[in-house]
Amino acid sequence: MHKEAIKLNRKFGYTVSIALLVITAYHLLLKHKQDNVIGIIAVMLLAITLLIPYWLTPLRLCWDKLGHVLGIINTYILLSLFYGVILTPLGLIMRLLGKDILKLKRSNSQISYWEISPVTEESKMENQF
């Protein structure tokens, strides 16, 4: 098997087995549950990762496809909901109230958007680096 695929399988195996061991430790130490199925799966996955990592290829590929699907869901559905439910009403409310947070409105007496900042004793711009 290709060395890069074995490297990816080991990385996947270590990550998932450590995550499952953390979940097992959480259940044992904080919730006081004696259900060790997740722990047994984690130990078996860790053993497979150490001994025969090429067995993890189908599982890793399925995991990658699931991640791709979840990425599409995040990109299109969640971000569209965020934009439609939060940003659009917030922008409409700000326009109705006449707020200009970015200071984009310019009056006729204003020559440019430049704002003069107050000069303090600490901002001499000497020895910048």
Protein backbone atom coordinates (compact mmCIF):
# COMPACT_ATOMS: atom_id res chain seq x y z
CA MET A 1 0.00 0.00 0.00
CA HIS A 2 1.14 3.53 -0.69
CA LYS A 3 3.03 5.18 2.19
CA GLU A 4 0.86 8.32 2.07
CA ALA A 5 -2.34 6.27 2.47
CA ILE A 6 -0.86 4.40 5.42
CA LYS A 7 0.16 7.73 6.97
CA LEU A 8 -3.37 9.09 6.51
CA ASN A 9 -4.88 5.89 7.94
CA ARG A 10 -2.65 6.08 11.01
CA LYS A 11 -3.49 9.73 11.55
CA PHE A 12 -7.20 8.90 11.25
CA GLY A 13 -6.89 5.89 13.56
CA TYR A 14 -5.01 7.79 16.25
CA THR A 15 -7.39 10.73 16.14
CA VAL A 16 -10.58 8.67 16.33
CA SER A 17 -9.26 6.25 18.95
CA ILE A 18 -8.06 9.09 21.20
CA ALA A 19 -11.42 10.84 20.82
CA LEU A 20 -13.22 7.63 21.75
CA LEU A 21 -10.91 7.11 24.73
CA VAL A 22 -11.68 10.65 25.92
CA ILE A 23 -15.41 9.91 25.64
CA THR A 24 -14.90 6.68 27.60
CA ALA A 25 -12.95 8.49 30.30
CA TYR A 26 -15.70 11.10 30.51
CA HIS A 27 -18.35 8.41 30.97
CA LEU A 28 -16.30 6.53 33.57
CA LEU A 29 -15.01 9.43 35.62
CA LEU A 30 -17.76 12.02 35.48
CA LYS A 31 -20.95 10.12 34.74
CA HIS A 32 -19.92 6.92 36.58
CA LYS A 33 -21.24 4.68 33.83
CA GLN A 34 -19.66 1.29 33.37
CA ASP A 35 -20.62 0.89 29.69
CA ASN A 36 -17.26 0.08 28.08
CA VAL A 37 -18.36 -0.52 24.48
CA ILE A 38 -16.85 2.75 23.26
CA GLY A 39 -13.63 2.00 25.14
CA ILE A 40 -13.38 -1.47 23.61
CA ILE A 41 -13.92 0.00 20.13
CA ALA A 42 -11.24 2.61 20.84
CA VAL A 43 -8.70 0.00 21.96
CA MET A 44 -9.47 -2.22 18.94
CA LEU A 45 -9.13 0.76 16.59
CA LEU A 46 -5.83 1.71 18.21
CA ALA A 47 -4.55 -1.86 17.81
CA ILE A 48 -5.56 -1.93 14.15
CA THR A 49 -3.90 1.45 13.67
CA LEU A 50 -0.65 0.19 15.14
CA LEU A 51 -0.58 -3.27 13.55
CA ILE A 52 -2.46 -3.20 10.22
CA PRO A 53 -3.30 0.38 9.23
CA TYR A 54 -4.32 -0.49 5.67
CA TRP A 55 -7.53 -2.03 7.06
CA LEU A 56 -8.66 1.50 7.96
CA THR A 57 -8.82 2.69 4.34
CA PRO A 58 -12.56 2.02 3.78
CA LEU A 59 -13.47 3.52 7.15
CA ARG A 60 -11.31 6.60 6.51
CA LEU A 61 -12.79 7.11 3.05
CA CYS A 62 -16.33 6.91 4.46
CA TRP A 63 -15.33 9.39 7.16
CA ASP A 64 -13.93 11.75 4.51
CA LYS A 65 -17.14 11.54 2.48
CA LEU A 66 -19.19 12.26 5.62
CA GLY A 67 -16.97 15.27 6.30
CA HIS A 68 -17.51 16.49 2.76
CA VAL A 69 -21.30 16.21 3.13
CA LEU A 70 -21.19 18.03 6.48
CA GLY A 71 -19.06 20.74 4.87
CA ILE A 72 -21.67 21.25 2.18
CA ILE A 73 -24.39 21.43 4.84
CA ASN A 74 -22.38 24.00 6.79
CA THR A 75 -21.61 26.06 3.74
CA TYR A 76 -25.00 26.27 2.11
CA ILE A 77 -27.64 25.63 4.72
CA LEU A 78 -26.20 27.00 7.95
CA LEU A 79 -24.57 30.06 6.42
CA SER A 80 -27.70 30.85 4.42
CA LEU A 81 -29.78 30.58 7.58
CA PHE A 82 -27.32 32.80 9.45
CA TYR A 83 -27.43 35.41 6.71
CA GLY A 84 -31.21 35.29 6.32
CA VAL A 85 -32.17 35.05 9.98
CA ILE A 86 -29.54 37.22 11.67
CA LEU A 87 -27.67 39.52 9.28
CA THR A 88 -30.51 40.65 7.02
CA PRO A 89 -32.91 41.65 9.85
CA LEU A 90 -30.04 43.30 11.71
CA GLY A 91 -29.15 45.34 8.63
CA LEU A 92 -32.78 46.34 8.11
CA ILE A 93 -33.12 47.41 11.74
CA MET A 94 -29.91 49.45 11.50
CA ARG A 95 -31.18 51.19 8.36
CA LEU A 96 -34.55 51.94 9.95
CA LEU A 97 -32.83 53.43 12.99
CA GLY A 98 -30.46 55.46 10.77
CA LYS A 99 -27.29 53.95 12.23
CA ASP A 100 -24.08 54.21 10.22
CA ILE A 101 -21.58 52.05 12.07
CA LEU A 102 -19.08 51.94 9.20
CA LYS A 103 -19.38 55.72 8.73
CA LEU A 104 -20.02 55.39 4.99
CA LYS A 105 -22.40 58.34 4.72
CA ARG A 106 -20.61 61.52 3.74
CA SER A 107 -21.98 64.98 4.15
CA ASN A 108 -21.40 67.80 1.66
CA SER A 109 -19.06 69.59 4.05
CA GLN A 110 -16.85 66.52 4.27
CA ILE A 111 -13.98 66.33 1.78
CA SER A 112 -12.93 62.73 2.42
CA TYR A 113 -13.53 59.77 4.69
CA TRP A 114 -10.26 60.36 6.50
CA GLU A 115 -10.52 60.63 10.27
CA ILE A 116 -7.82 62.34 12.26
CA SER A 117 -6.83 60.25 15.23
CA PRO A 118 -5.69 61.87 18.43
CA VAL A 119 -1.92 61.96 18.91
CA THR A 120 -0.74 60.62 22.21
CA GLU A 121 2.70 60.69 23.75
CA GLU A 122 3.10 56.91 23.33
CA SER A 123 2.52 56.94 19.56
CA LYS A 124 5.65 58.59 18.20
CA MET A 125 6.12 55.91 15.53
CA GLU A 126 9.81 55.62 16.38
CA ASN A 127 11.67 52.29 16.52
CA GLN A 128 8.83 50.34 15.00
CA PHE A 129 10.82 47.16 14.63
